[in-house]
Amino acid sequence: MSAPGVPSSRGLVATGPGASAPLRADAARNRERVLAVARDAVASGDLTLPLNTLARRAGVGTGTVYRHFPTRAHLAAALAEPGLAGLRDAARRAAAGDPADALARFLRDGLAALARDRVLAEVLGAGGPSQGPAADELLTALRRLLVGARGAGTVRRDVTVDDVLRLLRGVDHAARTGAPDPGRGERYLGLLLVGLRPDRG
């Protein structure tokens, strides 16, 4: 999953080496301290995530940061993982319901999730992680959703999972641009859904 014009980070895992093994209490605290500092940085619009700077702000050694997050892409993946799990759950709920309005339900829930989780929105907008358990499960759920929507005749057959995720991020960005307007997101979502319908002409 990558934003238009931004390289994908395919092949990355959600955390650093040894993530499958339980962390010692002090190591877990250090990891969470780094993530908290990184979340604050991303929420303020800083996506550079320099690991040396984050280590200093978190009050831990640079080596500690690199043990958990060998690269900035690993860190971005860890930051996005909870939000991706939420999108995965939204896609599963939508896919389990009426296929005729499944896509609309997912996009509505997805916009609400991005509004709540600015870190997820910024990471996805910067070409965030394309792999990892939650990301893979999200893609699977969206494929199932699109199969049902195409069968119900409510979505064009050329619409892909990547299209859906890019458009979700685009509507979120457009809805937040300009003077505050609580109805803008729903209006843009309606226009998007019309554009995704099969051509009846």
N, C-alpha and C. Protein backbone atom coordinates (compact mmCIF):
# COMPACT_ATOMS: atom_id res chain seq x y z
N MET A 1 0.86 -1.18 0.00
CA MET A 1 0.00 0.00 0.00
C MET A 1 0.89 1.22 0.00
N SER A 2 0.89 1.99 -1.04
CA SER A 2 1.73 3.17 -1.08
C SER A 2 0.96 4.31 -1.68
N ALA A 3 1.31 5.52 -1.27
CA ALA A 3 0.65 6.71 -1.79
C ALA A 3 1.18 7.00 -3.18
N PRO A 4 0.37 7.71 -4.00
CA PRO A 4 0.82 8.04 -5.34
C PRO A 4 2.15 8.77 -5.31
N GLY A 5 3.10 8.33 -6.13
CA GLY A 5 4.36 9.02 -6.26
C GLY A 5 5.35 8.73 -5.16
N VAL A 6 5.02 7.83 -4.23
CA VAL A 6 5.92 7.55 -3.12
C VAL A 6 6.31 6.09 -3.17
N PRO A 7 7.60 5.77 -3.05
CA PRO A 7 8.01 4.37 -3.12
C PRO A 7 7.37 3.55 -2.02
N SER A 8 7.03 2.31 -2.33
CA SER A 8 6.49 1.39 -1.33
C SER A 8 7.62 0.79 -0.53
N SER A 9 7.29 0.32 0.67
CA SER A 9 8.28 -0.34 1.51
C SER A 9 7.97 -1.82 1.60
N ARG A 10 7.72 -2.46 0.47
CA ARG A 10 7.37 -3.87 0.45
C ARG A 10 8.49 -4.70 1.04
N GLY A 11 8.10 -5.78 1.74
CA GLY A 11 9.07 -6.69 2.29
C GLY A 11 9.45 -6.37 3.72
N LEU A 12 8.93 -5.26 4.26
CA LEU A 12 9.28 -4.89 5.62
C LEU A 12 8.38 -5.58 6.61
N VAL A 13 8.91 -5.79 7.79
CA VAL A 13 8.10 -6.34 8.86
C VAL A 13 7.69 -5.22 9.78
N ALA A 14 6.77 -5.52 10.71
CA ALA A 14 6.21 -4.47 11.54
C ALA A 14 7.17 -4.00 12.61
N THR A 15 8.12 -4.81 13.00
CA THR A 15 9.04 -4.42 14.05
C THR A 15 10.43 -4.88 13.68
N GLY A 16 11.39 -4.63 14.59
CA GLY A 16 12.77 -4.97 14.32
C GLY A 16 13.06 -6.43 14.55
N PRO A 17 14.33 -6.82 14.43
CA PRO A 17 14.73 -8.21 14.60
C PRO A 17 14.34 -8.72 15.97
N GLY A 18 13.98 -9.99 16.04
CA GLY A 18 13.62 -10.57 17.32
C GLY A 18 12.25 -10.20 17.80
N ALA A 19 11.41 -9.65 16.91
CA ALA A 19 10.10 -9.18 17.35
C ALA A 19 9.23 -10.31 17.83
N SER A 20 9.49 -11.55 17.35
CA SER A 20 8.65 -12.66 17.74
C SER A 20 8.94 -13.13 19.16
N ALA A 21 10.10 -12.77 19.69
CA ALA A 21 10.46 -13.17 21.05
C ALA A 21 9.99 -12.11 22.03
N PRO A 22 9.46 -12.50 23.19
CA PRO A 22 9.02 -11.52 24.19
C PRO A 22 10.17 -10.63 24.63
N LEU A 23 9.91 -9.35 24.79
CA LEU A 23 10.94 -8.42 25.21
C LEU A 23 11.02 -8.37 26.73
N ARG A 24 12.22 -8.14 27.26
CA ARG A 24 12.35 -7.88 28.68
C ARG A 24 11.58 -6.61 29.01
N ALA A 25 11.23 -6.45 30.27
CA ALA A 25 10.41 -5.31 30.67
C ALA A 25 11.09 -3.99 30.33
N ASP A 26 12.40 -3.89 30.59
CA ASP A 26 13.08 -2.63 30.30
C ASP A 26 13.18 -2.39 28.80
N ALA A 27 13.40 -3.46 28.02
CA ALA A 27 13.46 -3.31 26.57
C ALA A 27 12.10 -2.90 26.01
N ALA A 28 11.03 -3.49 26.55
CA ALA A 28 9.68 -3.12 26.10
C ALA A 28 9.39 -1.67 26.41
N ARG A 29 9.81 -1.22 27.60
CA ARG A 29 9.59 0.20 27.96
C ARG A 29 10.35 1.12 27.01
N ASN A 30 11.58 0.77 26.70
CA ASN A 30 12.37 1.60 25.78
C ASN A 30 11.72 1.66 24.41
N ARG A 31 11.24 0.51 23.94
CA ARG A 31 10.59 0.47 22.63
C ARG A 31 9.36 1.37 22.60
N GLU A 32 8.54 1.28 23.64
CA GLU A 32 7.33 2.10 23.70
C GLU A 32 7.67 3.58 23.83
N ARG A 33 8.77 3.89 24.53
CA ARG A 33 9.19 5.29 24.67
C ARG A 33 9.57 5.86 23.30
N VAL A 34 10.29 5.08 22.51
CA VAL A 34 10.67 5.53 21.16
C VAL A 34 9.43 5.69 20.29
N LEU A 35 8.51 4.74 20.36
CA LEU A 35 7.28 4.84 19.57
C LEU A 35 6.46 6.06 19.96
N ALA A 36 6.39 6.36 21.25
CA ALA A 36 5.62 7.52 21.70
C ALA A 36 6.21 8.81 21.14
N VAL A 37 7.54 8.92 21.18
CA VAL A 37 8.21 10.11 20.64
C VAL A 37 7.97 10.20 19.13
N ALA A 38 8.06 9.06 18.45
CA ALA A 38 7.86 9.05 17.00
C ALA A 38 6.41 9.41 16.65
N ARG A 39 5.45 8.91 17.43
CA ARG A 39 4.04 9.27 17.19
C ARG A 39 3.84 10.77 17.30
N ASP A 40 4.44 11.37 18.31
CA ASP A 40 4.32 12.82 18.48
C ASP A 40 4.90 13.56 17.28
N ALA A 41 6.04 13.07 16.79
CA ALA A 41 6.68 13.71 15.65
C ALA A 41 5.80 13.63 14.41
N VAL A 42 5.27 12.42 14.14
CA VAL A 42 4.43 12.25 12.96
C VAL A 42 3.14 13.05 13.08
N ALA A 43 2.54 13.05 14.26
CA ALA A 43 1.30 13.80 14.46
C ALA A 43 1.50 15.29 14.24
N SER A 44 2.72 15.77 14.46
CA SER A 44 3.01 17.19 14.23
C SER A 44 3.40 17.47 12.79
N GLY A 45 3.41 16.40 11.96
CA GLY A 45 3.70 16.57 10.54
C GLY A 45 5.13 16.26 10.15
N ASP A 46 5.96 15.82 11.09
CA ASP A 46 7.35 15.50 10.79
C ASP A 46 7.47 14.01 10.47
N LEU A 47 7.67 13.70 9.20
CA LEU A 47 7.79 12.31 8.75
C LEU A 47 9.23 11.89 8.51
N THR A 48 10.20 12.74 8.89
CA THR A 48 11.59 12.39 8.64
C THR A 48 12.06 11.27 9.56
N LEU A 49 11.57 11.24 10.78
CA LEU A 49 11.86 10.18 11.75
C LEU A 49 13.35 9.82 11.82
N PRO A 50 14.23 10.81 12.06
CA PRO A 50 15.66 10.49 12.20
C PRO A 50 15.88 9.69 13.48
N LEU A 51 16.43 8.51 13.36
CA LEU A 51 16.53 7.61 14.50
C LEU A 51 17.43 8.17 15.60
N ASN A 52 18.52 8.86 15.23
CA ASN A 52 19.40 9.44 16.25
C ASN A 52 18.66 10.50 17.06
N THR A 53 17.89 11.33 16.38
CA THR A 53 17.13 12.37 17.07
C THR A 53 16.06 11.77 17.97
N LEU A 54 15.37 10.76 17.48
CA LEU A 54 14.34 10.10 18.28
C LEU A 54 14.95 9.46 19.53
N ALA A 55 16.14 8.89 19.39
CA ALA A 55 16.81 8.30 20.55
C ALA A 55 17.08 9.36 21.61
N ARG A 56 17.57 10.51 21.19
CA ARG A 56 17.86 11.59 22.14
C ARG A 56 16.59 12.07 22.83
N ARG A 57 15.52 12.24 22.06
CA ARG A 57 14.26 12.72 22.65
C ARG A 57 13.66 11.69 23.60
N ALA A 58 13.84 10.41 23.28
CA ALA A 58 13.28 9.35 24.12
C ALA A 58 14.16 9.05 25.33
N GLY A 59 15.37 9.60 25.33
CA GLY A 59 16.27 9.36 26.45
C GLY A 59 16.86 7.97 26.46
N VAL A 60 17.07 7.39 25.28
CA VAL A 60 17.67 6.06 25.18
C VAL A 60 18.87 6.14 24.25
N GLY A 61 19.69 5.10 24.26
CA GLY A 61 20.85 5.08 23.39
C GLY A 61 20.47 4.83 21.94
N THR A 62 21.29 5.33 21.03
CA THR A 62 21.03 5.12 19.61
C THR A 62 21.00 3.64 19.26
N GLY A 63 21.91 2.86 19.88
CA GLY A 63 21.93 1.43 19.62
C GLY A 63 20.63 0.76 20.02
N THR A 64 20.00 1.25 21.09
CA THR A 64 18.72 0.70 21.53
C THR A 64 17.66 0.88 20.45
N VAL A 65 17.63 2.08 19.86
CA VAL A 65 16.64 2.35 18.80
C VAL A 65 16.88 1.44 17.61
N TYR A 66 18.13 1.30 17.21
CA TYR A 66 18.43 0.50 16.02
C TYR A 66 18.17 -0.99 16.25
N ARG A 67 18.28 -1.44 17.50
CA ARG A 67 17.96 -2.85 17.77
C ARG A 67 16.49 -3.14 17.54
N HIS A 68 15.64 -2.18 17.90
CA HIS A 68 14.19 -2.37 17.71
C HIS A 68 13.76 -2.01 16.28
N PHE A 69 14.37 -0.97 15.72
CA PHE A 69 13.95 -0.45 14.42
C PHE A 69 15.20 -0.19 13.57
N PRO A 70 15.66 -1.19 12.82
CA PRO A 70 16.90 -1.04 12.04
C PRO A 70 16.85 0.10 11.03
N THR A 71 15.67 0.43 10.52
CA THR A 71 15.53 1.51 9.55
C THR A 71 14.30 2.34 9.90
N ARG A 72 14.20 3.50 9.29
CA ARG A 72 13.01 4.34 9.48
C ARG A 72 11.75 3.64 8.96
N ALA A 73 11.91 2.82 7.92
CA ALA A 73 10.76 2.11 7.37
C ALA A 73 10.21 1.09 8.39
N HIS A 74 11.12 0.44 9.13
CA HIS A 74 10.66 -0.47 10.18
C HIS A 74 9.88 0.31 11.24
N LEU A 75 10.36 1.47 11.58
CA LEU A 75 9.67 2.29 12.58
C LEU A 75 8.31 2.73 12.07
N ALA A 76 8.23 3.17 10.82
CA ALA A 76 6.95 3.58 10.25
C ALA A 76 5.96 2.43 10.25
N ALA A 77 6.45 1.22 9.95
CA ALA A 77 5.57 0.06 9.94
C ALA A 77 5.01 -0.21 11.34
N ALA A 78 5.86 -0.08 12.35
CA ALA A 78 5.40 -0.30 13.73
C ALA A 78 4.38 0.76 14.13
N LEU A 79 4.59 2.00 13.72
CA LEU A 79 3.65 3.08 14.04
C LEU A 79 2.28 2.83 13.41
N ALA A 80 2.28 2.30 12.20
CA ALA A 80 1.03 2.13 11.47
C ALA A 80 0.28 0.86 11.84
N GLU A 81 0.95 -0.10 12.47
CA GLU A 81 0.35 -1.42 12.68
C GLU A 81 -1.00 -1.38 13.41
N PRO A 82 -1.16 -0.65 14.53
CA PRO A 82 -2.47 -0.63 15.20
C PRO A 82 -3.57 -0.05 14.31
N GLY A 83 -3.25 1.01 13.58
CA GLY A 83 -4.25 1.60 12.69
C GLY A 83 -4.62 0.69 11.54
N LEU A 84 -3.62 -0.03 11.00
CA LEU A 84 -3.90 -0.99 9.93
C LEU A 84 -4.79 -2.11 10.44
N ALA A 85 -4.58 -2.53 11.68
CA ALA A 85 -5.44 -3.56 12.25
C ALA A 85 -6.87 -3.07 12.34
N GLY A 86 -7.05 -1.77 12.67
CA GLY A 86 -8.40 -1.21 12.71
C GLY A 86 -9.05 -1.18 11.35
N LEU A 87 -8.28 -0.80 10.31
CA LEU A 87 -8.81 -0.81 8.95
C LEU A 87 -9.14 -2.23 8.51
N ARG A 88 -8.29 -3.18 8.90
CA ARG A 88 -8.57 -4.59 8.58
C ARG A 88 -9.91 -5.03 9.17
N ASP A 89 -10.14 -4.67 10.43
CA ASP A 89 -11.40 -5.05 11.08
C ASP A 89 -12.59 -4.39 10.40
N ALA A 90 -12.42 -3.12 9.99
CA ALA A 90 -13.50 -2.43 9.29
C ALA A 90 -13.81 -3.11 7.96
N ALA A 91 -12.77 -3.53 7.25
CA ALA A 91 -12.97 -4.22 5.96
C ALA A 91 -13.66 -5.56 6.17
N ARG A 92 -13.29 -6.27 7.22
CA ARG A 92 -13.92 -7.56 7.49
C ARG A 92 -15.40 -7.38 7.83
N ARG A 93 -15.71 -6.37 8.65
CA ARG A 93 -17.12 -6.12 8.99
C ARG A 93 -17.92 -5.79 7.75
N ALA A 94 -17.37 -4.92 6.91
CA ALA A 94 -18.09 -4.52 5.70
C ALA A 94 -18.28 -5.70 4.76
N ALA A 95 -17.23 -6.52 4.60
CA ALA A 95 -17.31 -7.66 3.68
C ALA A 95 -18.30 -8.71 4.15
N ALA A 96 -18.54 -8.76 5.47
CA ALA A 96 -19.46 -9.76 6.01
C ALA A 96 -20.92 -9.35 5.87
N GLY A 97 -21.17 -8.10 5.48
CA GLY A 97 -22.54 -7.62 5.34
C GLY A 97 -23.03 -7.65 3.91
N ASP A 98 -24.00 -6.80 3.62
CA ASP A 98 -24.58 -6.73 2.28
C ASP A 98 -23.53 -6.23 1.29
N PRO A 99 -23.19 -7.00 0.27
CA PRO A 99 -22.14 -6.57 -0.67
C PRO A 99 -22.51 -5.32 -1.44
N ALA A 100 -23.80 -5.01 -1.52
CA ALA A 100 -24.22 -3.85 -2.30
C ALA A 100 -23.72 -2.54 -1.71
N ASP A 101 -23.56 -2.48 -0.39
CA ASP A 101 -23.06 -1.24 0.20
C ASP A 101 -21.82 -1.47 1.06
N ALA A 102 -21.12 -2.59 0.81
CA ALA A 102 -19.94 -2.92 1.60
C ALA A 102 -18.83 -1.88 1.42
N LEU A 103 -18.59 -1.45 0.18
CA LEU A 103 -17.51 -0.50 -0.05
C LEU A 103 -17.81 0.83 0.62
N ALA A 104 -19.04 1.27 0.54
CA ALA A 104 -19.41 2.53 1.19
C ALA A 104 -19.20 2.45 2.69
N ARG A 105 -19.56 1.31 3.29
CA ARG A 105 -19.37 1.15 4.73
C ARG A 105 -17.89 1.17 5.10
N PHE A 106 -17.07 0.47 4.30
CA PHE A 106 -15.65 0.46 4.61
C PHE A 106 -15.05 1.86 4.48
N LEU A 107 -15.36 2.56 3.39
CA LEU A 107 -14.79 3.89 3.18
C LEU A 107 -15.22 4.85 4.29
N ARG A 108 -16.47 4.75 4.72
CA ARG A 108 -16.95 5.62 5.79
C ARG A 108 -16.20 5.33 7.09
N ASP A 109 -16.08 4.04 7.42
CA ASP A 109 -15.35 3.66 8.62
C ASP A 109 -13.87 4.03 8.49
N GLY A 110 -13.33 3.86 7.29
CA GLY A 110 -11.92 4.19 7.07
C GLY A 110 -11.64 5.67 7.24
N LEU A 111 -12.53 6.52 6.73
CA LEU A 111 -12.35 7.96 6.91
C LEU A 111 -12.41 8.34 8.39
N ALA A 112 -13.31 7.72 9.12
CA ALA A 112 -13.39 7.99 10.56
C ALA A 112 -12.11 7.54 11.26
N ALA A 113 -11.56 6.41 10.83
CA ALA A 113 -10.32 5.91 11.43
C ALA A 113 -9.16 6.85 11.16
N LEU A 114 -9.06 7.37 9.93
CA LEU A 114 -7.98 8.29 9.61
C LEU A 114 -8.14 9.61 10.36
N ALA A 115 -9.38 10.04 10.56
CA ALA A 115 -9.61 11.27 11.32
C ALA A 115 -9.18 11.11 12.77
N ARG A 116 -9.37 9.91 13.32
CA ARG A 116 -8.98 9.65 14.72
C ARG A 116 -7.48 9.44 14.85
N ASP A 117 -6.88 8.81 13.85
CA ASP A 117 -5.49 8.37 13.94
C ASP A 117 -4.66 9.10 12.89
N ARG A 118 -4.18 10.29 13.24
CA ARG A 118 -3.43 11.08 12.28
C ARG A 118 -2.08 10.42 11.96
N VAL A 119 -1.56 9.65 12.90
CA VAL A 119 -0.30 8.95 12.61
C VAL A 119 -0.51 7.96 11.47
N LEU A 120 -1.60 7.19 11.53
CA LEU A 120 -1.91 6.26 10.44
C LEU A 120 -2.07 7.01 9.13
N ALA A 121 -2.80 8.12 9.16
CA ALA A 121 -3.03 8.89 7.94
C ALA A 121 -1.72 9.39 7.35
N GLU A 122 -0.84 9.90 8.20
CA GLU A 122 0.42 10.43 7.68
C GLU A 122 1.33 9.33 7.16
N VAL A 123 1.38 8.20 7.88
CA VAL A 123 2.23 7.10 7.42
C VAL A 123 1.73 6.53 6.10
N LEU A 124 0.42 6.35 5.97
CA LEU A 124 -0.14 5.85 4.71
C LEU A 124 0.09 6.85 3.59
N GLY A 125 -0.07 8.13 3.91
CA GLY A 125 0.12 9.16 2.90
C GLY A 125 1.54 9.27 2.42
N ALA A 126 2.48 8.80 3.25
CA ALA A 126 3.89 8.85 2.87
C ALA A 126 4.37 7.52 2.31
N GLY A 127 3.43 6.67 1.90
CA GLY A 127 3.82 5.39 1.34
C GLY A 127 4.20 4.40 2.40
N GLY A 128 3.35 4.27 3.41
CA GLY A 128 3.63 3.44 4.56
C GLY A 128 3.76 1.97 4.24
N PRO A 129 3.88 1.14 5.27
CA PRO A 129 4.20 -0.27 5.08
C PRO A 129 3.19 -1.00 4.22
N SER A 130 3.68 -1.87 3.37
CA SER A 130 2.80 -2.63 2.49
C SER A 130 2.69 -4.08 2.93
N GLN A 131 3.48 -4.47 3.93
CA GLN A 131 3.42 -5.84 4.41
C GLN A 131 3.42 -5.86 5.93
N GLY A 132 3.28 -7.07 6.48
CA GLY A 132 3.08 -7.22 7.91
C GLY A 132 1.72 -7.87 8.10
N PRO A 133 1.48 -8.50 9.24
CA PRO A 133 0.23 -9.25 9.42
C PRO A 133 -1.03 -8.44 9.18
N ALA A 134 -1.14 -7.27 9.82
CA ALA A 134 -2.36 -6.48 9.67
C ALA A 134 -2.55 -5.99 8.25
N ALA A 135 -1.45 -5.57 7.60
CA ALA A 135 -1.54 -5.09 6.22
C ALA A 135 -1.97 -6.21 5.28
N ASP A 136 -1.37 -7.37 5.44
CA ASP A 136 -1.74 -8.51 4.58
C ASP A 136 -3.20 -8.90 4.78
N GLU A 137 -3.65 -8.89 6.04
CA GLU A 137 -5.05 -9.26 6.33
C GLU A 137 -6.01 -8.20 5.82
N LEU A 138 -5.60 -6.93 5.87
CA LEU A 138 -6.42 -5.86 5.32
C LEU A 138 -6.60 -6.06 3.81
N LEU A 139 -5.53 -6.34 3.10
CA LEU A 139 -5.62 -6.55 1.65
C LEU A 139 -6.52 -7.73 1.32
N THR A 140 -6.42 -8.80 2.10
CA THR A 140 -7.26 -9.97 1.88
C THR A 140 -8.73 -9.63 2.06
N ALA A 141 -9.05 -8.90 3.14
CA ALA A 141 -10.44 -8.52 3.40
C ALA A 141 -10.98 -7.60 2.32
N LEU A 142 -10.15 -6.68 1.82
CA LEU A 142 -10.61 -5.78 0.77
C LEU A 142 -10.82 -6.50 -0.55
N ARG A 143 -9.99 -7.48 -0.84
CA ARG A 143 -10.21 -8.27 -2.06
C ARG A 143 -11.56 -8.98 -1.99
N ARG A 144 -11.85 -9.57 -0.84
CA ARG A 144 -13.14 -10.24 -0.66
C ARG A 144 -14.28 -9.24 -0.80
N LEU A 145 -14.11 -8.07 -0.22
CA LEU A 145 -15.15 -7.04 -0.30
C LEU A 145 -15.41 -6.64 -1.75
N LEU A 146 -14.33 -6.44 -2.52
CA LEU A 146 -14.50 -6.02 -3.91
C LEU A 146 -15.13 -7.11 -4.77
N VAL A 147 -14.80 -8.37 -4.50
CA VAL A 147 -15.44 -9.46 -5.24
C VAL A 147 -16.94 -9.42 -5.04
N GLY A 148 -17.38 -9.24 -3.80
CA GLY A 148 -18.81 -9.17 -3.52
C GLY A 148 -19.46 -7.95 -4.15
N ALA A 149 -18.76 -6.79 -4.08
CA ALA A 149 -19.32 -5.56 -4.64
C ALA A 149 -19.45 -5.65 -6.15
N ARG A 150 -18.46 -6.24 -6.80
CA ARG A 150 -18.55 -6.41 -8.26
C ARG A 150 -19.70 -7.34 -8.61
N GLY A 151 -19.85 -8.41 -7.84
CA GLY A 151 -20.95 -9.34 -8.09
C GLY A 151 -22.30 -8.70 -7.90
N ALA A 152 -22.39 -7.74 -6.97
CA ALA A 152 -23.65 -7.03 -6.73
C ALA A 152 -23.88 -5.92 -7.75
N GLY A 153 -22.88 -5.67 -8.61
CA GLY A 153 -23.02 -4.65 -9.64
C GLY A 153 -22.92 -3.23 -9.14
N THR A 154 -22.26 -3.02 -7.99
CA THR A 154 -22.18 -1.67 -7.43
C THR A 154 -20.80 -1.04 -7.60
N VAL A 155 -19.82 -1.81 -8.10
CA VAL A 155 -18.47 -1.30 -8.26
C VAL A 155 -17.93 -1.74 -9.62
N ARG A 156 -17.27 -0.83 -10.31
CA ARG A 156 -16.65 -1.15 -11.59
C ARG A 156 -15.67 -2.29 -11.43
N ARG A 157 -15.57 -3.13 -12.47
CA ARG A 157 -14.71 -4.30 -12.39
C ARG A 157 -13.23 -3.97 -12.45
N ASP A 158 -12.88 -2.76 -12.88
CA ASP A 158 -11.46 -2.41 -12.96
C ASP A 158 -10.94 -1.75 -11.69
N VAL A 159 -11.79 -1.59 -10.68
CA VAL A 159 -11.36 -0.99 -9.42
C VAL A 159 -10.57 -2.02 -8.62
N THR A 160 -9.38 -1.64 -8.16
CA THR A 160 -8.51 -2.55 -7.44
C THR A 160 -8.42 -2.17 -5.96
N VAL A 161 -7.85 -3.06 -5.18
CA VAL A 161 -7.62 -2.78 -3.76
C VAL A 161 -6.73 -1.55 -3.60
N ASP A 162 -5.69 -1.48 -4.42
CA ASP A 162 -4.80 -0.31 -4.36
C ASP A 162 -5.56 0.97 -4.66
N ASP A 163 -6.48 0.93 -5.63
CA ASP A 163 -7.32 2.10 -5.92
C ASP A 163 -8.09 2.53 -4.68
N VAL A 164 -8.71 1.56 -4.01
CA VAL A 164 -9.54 1.86 -2.84
C VAL A 164 -8.72 2.56 -1.77
N LEU A 165 -7.52 2.05 -1.49
CA LEU A 165 -6.71 2.63 -0.43
C LEU A 165 -6.18 4.01 -0.81
N ARG A 166 -5.80 4.19 -2.06
CA ARG A 166 -5.34 5.51 -2.51
C ARG A 166 -6.49 6.53 -2.44
N LEU A 167 -7.68 6.11 -2.88
CA LEU A 167 -8.82 7.01 -2.88
C LEU A 167 -9.27 7.36 -1.46
N LEU A 168 -9.19 6.39 -0.57
CA LEU A 168 -9.51 6.65 0.84
C LEU A 168 -8.60 7.74 1.39
N ARG A 169 -7.31 7.60 1.14
CA ARG A 169 -6.36 8.61 1.62
C ARG A 169 -6.61 9.95 0.94
N GLY A 170 -6.96 9.92 -0.35
CA GLY A 170 -7.21 11.16 -1.06
C GLY A 170 -8.43 11.90 -0.53
N VAL A 171 -9.50 11.19 -0.25
CA VAL A 171 -10.70 11.84 0.30
C VAL A 171 -10.39 12.41 1.68
N ASP A 172 -9.64 11.67 2.49
CA ASP A 172 -9.27 12.18 3.80
C ASP A 172 -8.49 13.48 3.67
N HIS A 173 -7.52 13.51 2.77
CA HIS A 173 -6.71 14.72 2.59
C HIS A 173 -7.57 15.88 2.09
N ALA A 174 -8.42 15.60 1.09
CA ALA A 174 -9.26 16.67 0.53
C ALA A 174 -10.24 17.21 1.57
N ALA A 175 -10.76 16.33 2.42
CA ALA A 175 -11.74 16.75 3.42
C ALA A 175 -11.12 17.67 4.47
N ARG A 176 -9.82 17.57 4.67
CA ARG A 176 -9.16 18.38 5.69
C ARG A 176 -8.54 19.65 5.12
N THR A 177 -8.64 19.84 3.82
CA THR A 177 -8.03 21.00 3.17
C THR A 177 -9.00 22.18 3.17
N GLY A 178 -8.49 23.36 3.47
CA GLY A 178 -9.33 24.55 3.47
C GLY A 178 -10.01 24.80 4.80
N ALA A 179 -11.00 25.67 4.78
CA ALA A 179 -11.72 26.01 6.01
C ALA A 179 -12.44 24.78 6.55
N PRO A 180 -12.52 24.64 7.88
CA PRO A 180 -13.20 23.49 8.47
C PRO A 180 -14.64 23.36 7.97
N ASP A 181 -15.02 22.16 7.56
CA ASP A 181 -16.37 21.88 7.08
C ASP A 181 -16.68 20.43 7.43
N PRO A 182 -17.49 20.19 8.47
CA PRO A 182 -17.76 18.82 8.90
C PRO A 182 -18.47 17.96 7.87
N GLY A 183 -19.12 18.58 6.87
CA GLY A 183 -19.83 17.80 5.87
C GLY A 183 -19.03 17.53 4.62
N ARG A 184 -17.81 18.07 4.55
CA ARG A 184 -17.04 17.95 3.31
C ARG A 184 -16.66 16.50 3.02
N GLY A 185 -16.23 15.77 4.05
CA GLY A 185 -15.81 14.39 3.83
C GLY A 185 -16.93 13.53 3.29
N GLU A 186 -18.13 13.68 3.85
CA GLU A 186 -19.26 12.88 3.39
C GLU A 186 -19.64 13.25 1.96
N ARG A 187 -19.54 14.52 1.62
CA ARG A 187 -19.85 14.95 0.24
C ARG A 187 -18.86 14.35 -0.74
N TYR A 188 -17.58 14.44 -0.44
CA TYR A 188 -16.57 13.87 -1.33
C TYR A 188 -16.70 12.35 -1.42
N LEU A 189 -17.06 11.73 -0.31
CA LEU A 189 -17.25 10.28 -0.33
C LEU A 189 -18.40 9.92 -1.27
N GLY A 190 -19.49 10.69 -1.22
CA GLY A 190 -20.62 10.44 -2.12
C GLY A 190 -20.22 10.57 -3.58
N LEU A 191 -19.43 11.61 -3.90
CA LEU A 191 -18.97 11.79 -5.27
C LEU A 191 -18.07 10.63 -5.71
N LEU A 192 -17.22 10.18 -4.80
CA LEU A 192 -16.35 9.06 -5.11
C LEU A 192 -17.14 7.79 -5.40
N LEU A 193 -18.13 7.51 -4.59
CA LEU A 193 -18.92 6.29 -4.77
C LEU A 193 -19.69 6.32 -6.10
N VAL A 194 -20.15 7.48 -6.51
CA VAL A 194 -20.81 7.60 -7.81
C VAL A 194 -19.82 7.26 -8.93
N GLY A 195 -18.59 7.77 -8.79
CA GLY A 195 -17.58 7.52 -9.81
C GLY A 195 -17.13 6.07 -9.88
N LEU A 196 -17.30 5.32 -8.80
CA LEU A 196 -16.88 3.93 -8.78
C LEU A 196 -17.94 2.97 -9.31
N ARG A 197 -19.15 3.48 -9.52
CA ARG A 197 -20.22 2.60 -10.01
C ARG A 197 -20.00 2.23 -11.47
N PRO A 198 -20.47 1.06 -11.87
CA PRO A 198 -20.35 0.66 -13.28
C PRO A 198 -21.07 1.64 -14.19
N ASP A 199 -20.55 1.81 -15.39
CA ASP A 199 -21.17 2.67 -16.38
C ASP A 199 -22.42 1.97 -16.91
N ARG A 200 -23.58 2.58 -16.64
CA ARG A 200 -24.83 1.99 -17.09
C ARG A 200 -25.20 2.40 -18.51
N GLY A 201 -24.39 3.31 -19.07
CA GLY A 201 -24.74 3.83 -20.39
C GLY A 201 -24.53 2.82 -21.48
